[in-house]
Amino acid sequence: MSQAVVTINEEADEELSVSLGEMLDREKLWQFCQAFIDKQNIHCAETICQTDRVIENAYEFIDGVCKIVGFKKDEDEE
């Protein structure tokens, strides 16, 4: 798999070498998170705390994140 250099902090100009597959997963995760924020109409931290719909939909959001990032490996299965 090819390697790419991605700037993760422009101010510090820190760079991290990641595989193309990891970049695609990160882009997918970013898009998934952005879609949740847009759909839930989250404009600030208070929206998360004060709006029941955000917490009610958090279960599906967490499941979606785990499907993209991966679940923790069960130590018993190894």
PDB file of N, CA and C in Angstrom:
ATOM      1  N   MET A   1       0.848  -1.175   0.000  1.00  0.00           N
ATOM      2  CA  MET A   1       0.000   0.000   0.000  1.00  0.00           C
ATOM      3  C   MET A   1       0.893   1.238   0.000  1.00  0.00           C
ATOM      4  N   SER A   2       0.507   2.255  -0.724  1.00  0.00           N
ATOM      5  CA  SER A   2       1.316   3.471  -0.821  1.00  0.00           C
ATOM      6  C   SER A   2       1.215   4.288   0.456  1.00  0.00           C
ATOM      7  N   GLN A   3       2.204   5.128   0.681  1.00  0.00           N
ATOM      8  CA  GLN A   3       2.244   5.986   1.860  1.00  0.00           C
ATOM      9  C   GLN A   3       1.947   7.424   1.456  1.00  0.00           C
ATOM     10  N   ALA A   4       1.372   8.172   2.364  1.00  0.00           N
ATOM     11  CA  ALA A   4       1.098   9.584   2.133  1.00  0.00           C
ATOM     12  C   ALA A   4       1.476  10.341   3.394  1.00  0.00           C
ATOM     13  N   VAL A   5       1.824  11.590   3.251  1.00  0.00           N
ATOM     14  CA  VAL A   5       2.141  12.428   4.405  1.00  0.00           C
ATOM     15  C   VAL A   5       0.973  13.367   4.624  1.00  0.00           C
ATOM     16  N   VAL A   6       0.466  13.386   5.839  1.00  0.00           N
ATOM     17  CA  VAL A   6      -0.697  14.190   6.179  1.00  0.00           C
ATOM     18  C   VAL A   6      -0.313  15.134   7.301  1.00  0.00           C
ATOM     19  N   THR A   7      -0.618  16.417   7.148  1.00  0.00           N
ATOM     20  CA  THR A   7      -0.381  17.384   8.215  1.00  0.00           C
ATOM     21  C   THR A   7      -1.518  17.270   9.213  1.00  0.00           C
ATOM     22  N   ILE A   8      -1.182  16.991  10.471  1.00  0.00           N
ATOM     23  CA  ILE A   8      -2.222  16.838  11.486  1.00  0.00           C
ATOM     24  C   ILE A   8      -2.349  18.070  12.374  1.00  0.00           C
ATOM     25  N   ASN A   9      -1.371  18.939  12.350  1.00  0.00           N
ATOM     26  CA  ASN A   9      -1.431  20.166  13.131  1.00  0.00           C
ATOM     27  C   ASN A   9      -0.642  21.220  12.360  1.00  0.00           C
ATOM     28  N   GLU A  10      -1.352  22.071  11.638  1.00  0.00           N
ATOM     29  CA  GLU A  10      -0.676  23.032  10.771  1.00  0.00           C
ATOM     30  C   GLU A  10       0.203  24.001  11.544  1.00  0.00           C
ATOM     31  N   GLU A  11      -0.226  24.413  12.751  1.00  0.00           N
ATOM     32  CA  GLU A  11       0.564  25.372  13.525  1.00  0.00           C
ATOM     33  C   GLU A  11       1.916  24.783  13.923  1.00  0.00           C
ATOM     34  N   ALA A  12       1.910  23.545  14.369  1.00  0.00           N
ATOM     35  CA  ALA A  12       3.159  22.907  14.790  1.00  0.00           C
ATOM     36  C   ALA A  12       3.855  22.234  13.614  1.00  0.00           C
ATOM     37  N   ASP A  13       3.174  22.176  12.491  1.00  0.00           N
ATOM     38  CA  ASP A  13       3.691  21.546  11.277  1.00  0.00           C
ATOM     39  C   ASP A  13       4.132  20.110  11.552  1.00  0.00           C
ATOM     40  N   GLU A  14       3.344  19.419  12.396  1.00  0.00           N
ATOM     41  CA  GLU A  14       3.616  18.016  12.677  1.00  0.00           C
ATOM     42  C   GLU A  14       3.087  17.186  11.515  1.00  0.00           C
ATOM     43  N   GLU A  15       3.818  16.151  11.161  1.00  0.00           N
ATOM     44  CA  GLU A  15       3.388  15.303  10.063  1.00  0.00           C
ATOM     45  C   GLU A  15       3.329  13.855  10.515  1.00  0.00           C
ATOM     46  N   LEU A  16       2.437  13.110   9.905  1.00  0.00           N
ATOM     47  CA  LEU A  16       2.252  11.710  10.229  1.00  0.00           C
ATOM     48  C   LEU A  16       2.132  10.945   8.928  1.00  0.00           C
ATOM     49  N   SER A  17       2.894   9.896   8.785  1.00  0.00           N
ATOM     50  CA  SER A  17       2.831   9.070   7.592  1.00  0.00           C
ATOM     51  C   SER A  17       1.766   8.002   7.802  1.00  0.00           C
ATOM     52  N   VAL A  18       0.789   7.957   6.913  1.00  0.00           N
ATOM     53  CA  VAL A  18      -0.292   6.982   7.023  1.00  0.00           C
ATOM     54  C   VAL A  18      -0.487   6.286   5.691  1.00  0.00           C
ATOM     55  N   SER A  19      -1.045   5.095   5.733  1.00  0.00           N
ATOM     56  CA  SER A  19      -1.311   4.372   4.497  1.00  0.00           C
ATOM     57  C   SER A  19      -2.543   4.957   3.820  1.00  0.00           C
ATOM     58  N   LEU A  20      -2.682   4.688   2.537  1.00  0.00           N
ATOM     59  CA  LEU A  20      -3.830   5.176   1.778  1.00  0.00           C
ATOM     60  C   LEU A  20      -5.122   4.630   2.376  1.00  0.00           C
ATOM     61  N   GLY A  21      -5.104   3.372   2.808  1.00  0.00           N
ATOM     62  CA  GLY A  21      -6.285   2.774   3.436  1.00  0.00           C
ATOM     63  C   GLY A  21      -6.689   3.509   4.694  1.00  0.00           C
ATOM     64  N   GLU A  22      -5.701   3.887   5.505  1.00  0.00           N
ATOM     65  CA  GLU A  22      -5.991   4.644   6.725  1.00  0.00           C
ATOM     66  C   GLU A  22      -6.565   6.005   6.382  1.00  0.00           C
ATOM     67  N   MET A  23      -6.057   6.628   5.317  1.00  0.00           N
ATOM     68  CA  MET A  23      -6.586   7.931   4.903  1.00  0.00           C
ATOM     69  C   MET A  23      -8.041   7.791   4.495  1.00  0.00           C
ATOM     70  N   LEU A  24      -8.365   6.729   3.753  1.00  0.00           N
ATOM     71  CA  LEU A  24      -9.740   6.524   3.326  1.00  0.00           C
ATOM     72  C   LEU A  24     -10.638   6.296   4.536  1.00  0.00           C
ATOM     73  N   ASP A  25     -10.163   5.510   5.526  1.00  0.00           N
ATOM     74  CA  ASP A  25     -10.939   5.289   6.738  1.00  0.00           C
ATOM     75  C   ASP A  25     -11.126   6.591   7.510  1.00  0.00           C
ATOM     76  N   ARG A  26     -10.088   7.404   7.577  1.00  0.00           N
ATOM     77  CA  ARG A  26     -10.197   8.686   8.281  1.00  0.00           C
ATOM     78  C   ARG A  26     -11.176   9.610   7.571  1.00  0.00           C
ATOM     79  N   GLU A  27     -11.148   9.617   6.256  1.00  0.00           N
ATOM     80  CA  GLU A  27     -12.088  10.444   5.490  1.00  0.00           C
ATOM     81  C   GLU A  27     -13.514   9.946   5.702  1.00  0.00           C
ATOM     82  N   LYS A  28     -13.688   8.637   5.696  1.00  0.00           N
ATOM     83  CA  LYS A  28     -15.006   8.052   5.927  1.00  0.00           C
ATOM     84  C   LYS A  28     -15.502   8.410   7.325  1.00  0.00           C
ATOM     85  N   LEU A  29     -14.612   8.321   8.310  1.00  0.00           N
ATOM     86  CA  LEU A  29     -14.969   8.668   9.687  1.00  0.00           C
ATOM     87  C   LEU A  29     -15.320  10.147   9.800  1.00  0.00           C
ATOM     88  N   TRP A  30     -14.509  10.992   9.169  1.00  0.00           N
ATOM     89  CA  TRP A  30     -14.776  12.437   9.184  1.00  0.00           C
ATOM     90  C   TRP A  30     -16.155  12.727   8.582  1.00  0.00           C
ATOM     91  N   GLN A  31     -16.448  12.132   7.440  1.00  0.00           N
ATOM     92  CA  GLN A  31     -17.729  12.360   6.778  1.00  0.00           C
ATOM     93  C   GLN A  31     -18.887  11.852   7.630  1.00  0.00           C
ATOM     94  N   PHE A  32     -18.695  10.688   8.260  1.00  0.00           N
ATOM     95  CA  PHE A  32     -19.727  10.123   9.122  1.00  0.00           C
ATOM     96  C   PHE A  32     -20.011  11.051  10.304  1.00  0.00           C
ATOM     97  N   CYS A  33     -18.957  11.537  10.949  1.00  0.00           N
ATOM     98  CA  CYS A  33     -19.109  12.454  12.086  1.00  0.00           C
ATOM     99  C   CYS A  33     -19.755  13.763  11.653  1.00  0.00           C
ATOM    100  N   GLN A  34     -19.317  14.299  10.532  1.00  0.00           N
ATOM    101  CA  GLN A  34     -19.881  15.556  10.037  1.00  0.00           C
ATOM    102  C   GLN A  34     -21.362  15.395   9.711  1.00  0.00           C
ATOM    103  N   ALA A  35     -21.738  14.258   9.145  1.00  0.00           N
ATOM    104  CA  ALA A  35     -23.144  14.000   8.832  1.00  0.00           C
ATOM    105  C   ALA A  35     -23.981  13.947  10.114  1.00  0.00           C
ATOM    106  N   PHE A  36     -23.450  13.335  11.167  1.00  0.00           N
ATOM    107  CA  PHE A  36     -24.161  13.277  12.447  1.00  0.00           C
ATOM    108  C   PHE A  36     -24.333  14.677  13.025  1.00  0.00           C
ATOM    109  N   ILE A  37     -23.273  15.459  13.006  1.00  0.00           N
ATOM    110  CA  ILE A  37     -23.330  16.832  13.518  1.00  0.00           C
ATOM    111  C   ILE A  37     -24.363  17.644  12.744  1.00  0.00           C
ATOM    112  N   ASP A  38     -24.353  17.514  11.429  1.00  0.00           N
ATOM    113  CA  ASP A  38     -25.319  18.243  10.602  1.00  0.00           C
ATOM    114  C   ASP A  38     -26.746  17.775  10.870  1.00  0.00           C
ATOM    115  N   LYS A  39     -26.948  16.458  10.894  1.00  0.00           N
ATOM    116  CA  LYS A  39     -28.293  15.905  11.084  1.00  0.00           C
ATOM    117  C   LYS A  39     -28.859  16.276  12.451  1.00  0.00           C
ATOM    118  N   GLN A  40     -28.006  16.290  13.469  1.00  0.00           N
ATOM    119  CA  GLN A  40     -28.455  16.623  14.825  1.00  0.00           C
ATOM    120  C   GLN A  40     -28.470  18.127  15.079  1.00  0.00           C
ATOM    121  N   ASN A  41     -28.015  18.897  14.091  1.00  0.00           N
ATOM    122  CA  ASN A  41     -28.018  20.353  14.185  1.00  0.00           C
ATOM    123  C   ASN A  41     -27.221  20.835  15.402  1.00  0.00           C
ATOM    124  N   ILE A  42     -26.017  20.262  15.568  1.00  0.00           N
ATOM    125  CA  ILE A  42     -25.164  20.594  16.710  1.00  0.00           C
ATOM    126  C   ILE A  42     -24.316  21.810  16.355  1.00  0.00           C
ATOM    127  N   HIS A  43     -24.581  22.926  17.046  1.00  0.00           N
ATOM    128  CA  HIS A  43     -23.851  24.174  16.805  1.00  0.00           C
ATOM    129  C   HIS A  43     -22.864  24.502  17.920  1.00  0.00           C
ATOM    130  N   CYS A  44     -23.052  23.849  19.087  1.00  0.00           N
ATOM    131  CA  CYS A  44     -22.166  24.108  20.226  1.00  0.00           C
ATOM    132  C   CYS A  44     -22.303  22.957  21.219  1.00  0.00           C
ATOM    133  N   ALA A  45     -21.435  22.946  22.227  1.00  0.00           N
ATOM    134  CA  ALA A  45     -21.443  21.868  23.220  1.00  0.00           C
ATOM    135  C   ALA A  45     -22.770  21.799  23.979  1.00  0.00           C
ATOM    136  N   GLU A  46     -23.400  22.926  24.190  1.00  0.00           N
ATOM    137  CA  GLU A  46     -24.660  22.949  24.926  1.00  0.00           C
ATOM    138  C   GLU A  46     -25.743  22.168  24.198  1.00  0.00           C
ATOM    139  N   THR A  47     -25.697  22.151  22.876  1.00  0.00           N
ATOM    140  CA  THR A  47     -26.685  21.393  22.106  1.00  0.00           C
ATOM    141  C   THR A  47     -26.621  19.921  22.476  1.00  0.00           C
ATOM    142  N   ILE A  48     -25.419  19.411  22.679  1.00  0.00           N
ATOM    143  CA  ILE A  48     -25.247  18.004  23.035  1.00  0.00           C
ATOM    144  C   ILE A  48     -25.866  17.731  24.402  1.00  0.00           C
ATOM    145  N   CYS A  49     -25.607  18.596  25.355  1.00  0.00           N
ATOM    146  CA  CYS A  49     -26.076  18.393  26.732  1.00  0.00           C
ATOM    147  C   CYS A  49     -27.560  18.670  26.908  1.00  0.00           C
ATOM    148  N   GLN A  50     -28.098  19.606  26.146  1.00  0.00           N
ATOM    149  CA  GLN A  50     -29.453  20.077  26.390  1.00  0.00           C
ATOM    150  C   GLN A  50     -30.485  19.550  25.402  1.00  0.00           C
ATOM    151  N   THR A  51     -30.072  18.710  24.472  1.00  0.00           N
ATOM    152  CA  THR A  51     -31.006  18.235  23.457  1.00  0.00           C
ATOM    153  C   THR A  51     -31.089  16.717  23.521  1.00  0.00           C
ATOM    154  N   ASP A  52     -32.257  16.206  23.905  1.00  0.00           N
ATOM    155  CA  ASP A  52     -32.431  14.762  24.075  1.00  0.00           C
ATOM    156  C   ASP A  52     -32.154  13.981  22.798  1.00  0.00           C
ATOM    157  N   ARG A  53     -32.515  14.525  21.646  1.00  0.00           N
ATOM    158  CA  ARG A  53     -32.366  13.773  20.395  1.00  0.00           C
ATOM    159  C   ARG A  53     -30.912  13.409  20.123  1.00  0.00           C
ATOM    160  N   VAL A  54     -29.975  14.260  20.531  1.00  0.00           N
ATOM    161  CA  VAL A  54     -28.555  13.974  20.294  1.00  0.00           C
ATOM    162  C   VAL A  54     -28.143  12.738  21.081  1.00  0.00           C
ATOM    163  N   ILE A  55     -28.492  12.687  22.354  1.00  0.00           N
ATOM    164  CA  ILE A  55     -28.141  11.542  23.191  1.00  0.00           C
ATOM    165  C   ILE A  55     -28.892  10.300  22.728  1.00  0.00           C
ATOM    166  N   GLU A  56     -30.152  10.448  22.353  1.00  0.00           N
ATOM    167  CA  GLU A  56     -30.929   9.301  21.875  1.00  0.00           C
ATOM    168  C   GLU A  56     -30.315   8.688  20.622  1.00  0.00           C
ATOM    169  N   ASN A  57     -29.714   9.500  19.782  1.00  0.00           N
ATOM    170  CA  ASN A  57     -29.109   9.013  18.543  1.00  0.00           C
ATOM    171  C   ASN A  57     -27.632   8.663  18.699  1.00  0.00           C
ATOM    172  N   ALA A  58     -27.081   8.890  19.884  1.00  0.00           N
ATOM    173  CA  ALA A  58     -25.659   8.608  20.114  1.00  0.00           C
ATOM    174  C   ALA A  58     -25.340   7.120  20.019  1.00  0.00           C
ATOM    175  N   TYR A  59     -26.282   6.254  20.385  1.00  0.00           N
ATOM    176  CA  TYR A  59     -26.024   4.812  20.320  1.00  0.00           C
ATOM    177  C   TYR A  59     -25.729   4.377  18.887  1.00  0.00           C
ATOM    178  N   GLU A  60     -26.555   4.812  17.953  1.00  0.00           N
ATOM    179  CA  GLU A  60     -26.322   4.485  16.541  1.00  0.00           C
ATOM    180  C   GLU A  60     -25.030   5.123  16.045  1.00  0.00           C
ATOM    181  N   PHE A  61     -24.744   6.329  16.504  1.00  0.00           N
ATOM    182  CA  PHE A  61     -23.517   7.013  16.108  1.00  0.00           C
ATOM    183  C   PHE A  61     -22.290   6.221  16.563  1.00  0.00           C
ATOM    184  N   ILE A  62     -22.285   5.798  17.813  1.00  0.00           N
ATOM    185  CA  ILE A  62     -21.150   5.039  18.345  1.00  0.00           C
ATOM    186  C   ILE A  62     -20.985   3.729  17.585  1.00  0.00           C
ATOM    187  N   ASP A  63     -22.081   3.064  17.291  1.00  0.00           N
ATOM    188  CA  ASP A  63     -22.019   1.826  16.513  1.00  0.00           C
ATOM    189  C   ASP A  63     -21.415   2.090  15.139  1.00  0.00           C
ATOM    190  N   GLY A  64     -21.821   3.176  14.510  1.00  0.00           N
ATOM    191  CA  GLY A  64     -21.281   3.533  13.198  1.00  0.00           C
ATOM    192  C   GLY A  64     -19.794   3.835  13.245  1.00  0.00           C
ATOM    193  N   VAL A  65     -19.362   4.536  14.286  1.00  0.00           N
ATOM    194  CA  VAL A  65     -17.929   4.826  14.449  1.00  0.00           C
ATOM    195  C   VAL A  65     -17.151   3.524  14.584  1.00  0.00           C
ATOM    196  N   CYS A  66     -17.658   2.607  15.402  1.00  0.00           N
ATOM    197  CA  CYS A  66     -16.967   1.327  15.599  1.00  0.00           C
ATOM    198  C   CYS A  66     -16.922   0.504  14.320  1.00  0.00           C
ATOM    199  N   LYS A  67     -17.935   0.606  13.499  1.00  0.00           N
ATOM    200  CA  LYS A  67     -17.923  -0.122  12.227  1.00  0.00           C
ATOM    201  C   LYS A  67     -16.865   0.435  11.282  1.00  0.00           C
ATOM    202  N   ILE A  68     -16.586   1.717  11.376  1.00  0.00           N
ATOM    203  CA  ILE A  68     -15.562   2.338  10.528  1.00  0.00           C
ATOM    204  C   ILE A  68     -14.171   2.115  11.112  1.00  0.00           C
ATOM    205  N   VAL A  69     -14.002   2.399  12.391  1.00  0.00           N
ATOM    206  CA  VAL A  69     -12.695   2.334  13.047  1.00  0.00           C
ATOM    207  C   VAL A  69     -12.340   0.893  13.417  1.00  0.00           C
ATOM    208  N   GLY A  70     -13.337   0.147  13.808  1.00  0.00           N
ATOM    209  CA  GLY A  70     -13.136  -1.228  14.246  1.00  0.00           C
ATOM    210  C   GLY A  70     -13.415  -1.356  15.729  1.00  0.00           C
ATOM    211  N   PHE A  71     -13.946  -2.494  16.092  1.00  0.00           N
ATOM    212  CA  PHE A  71     -14.222  -2.773  17.495  1.00  0.00           C
ATOM    213  C   PHE A  71     -12.945  -3.260  18.170  1.00  0.00           C
ATOM    214  N   LYS A  72     -12.869  -3.131  19.468  1.00  0.00           N
ATOM    215  CA  LYS A  72     -11.733  -3.646  20.225  1.00  0.00           C
ATOM    216  C   LYS A  72     -11.729  -5.162  20.091  1.00  0.00           C
ATOM    217  N   LYS A  73     -10.560  -5.714  19.862  1.00  0.00           N
ATOM    218  CA  LYS A  73     -10.448  -7.161  19.739  1.00  0.00           C
ATOM    219  C   LYS A  73     -10.702  -7.809  21.089  1.00  0.00           C
ATOM    220  N   ASP A  74     -11.494  -8.876  21.049  1.00  0.00           N
ATOM    221  CA  ASP A  74     -11.780  -9.640  22.257  1.00  0.00           C
ATOM    222  C   ASP A  74     -10.568 -10.499  22.569  1.00  0.00           C
ATOM    223  N   GLU A  75      -9.978 -10.294  23.729  1.00  0.00           N
ATOM    224  CA  GLU A  75      -8.762 -11.023  24.106  1.00  0.00           C
ATOM    225  C   GLU A  75      -8.996 -12.524  24.172  1.00  0.00           C
ATOM    226  N   ASP A  76     -10.225 -12.957  24.437  1.00  0.00           N
ATOM    227  CA  ASP A  76     -10.541 -14.384  24.501  1.00  0.00           C
ATOM    228  C   ASP A  76     -10.537 -15.030  23.118  1.00  0.00           C
ATOM    229  N   GLU A  77     -10.764 -14.240  22.067  1.00  0.00           N
ATOM    230  CA  GLU A  77     -10.814 -14.769  20.707  1.00  0.00           C
ATOM    231  C   GLU A  77      -9.441 -14.954  20.097  1.00  0.00           C
ATOM    232  N   GLU A  78      -8.418 -14.367  20.695  1.00  0.00           N
ATOM    233  CA  GLU A  78      -7.072 -14.442  20.123  1.00  0.00           C
ATOM    234  C   GLU A  78      -6.390 -15.733  20.401  1.00  0.00           C
TER     235      GLU A  78
END
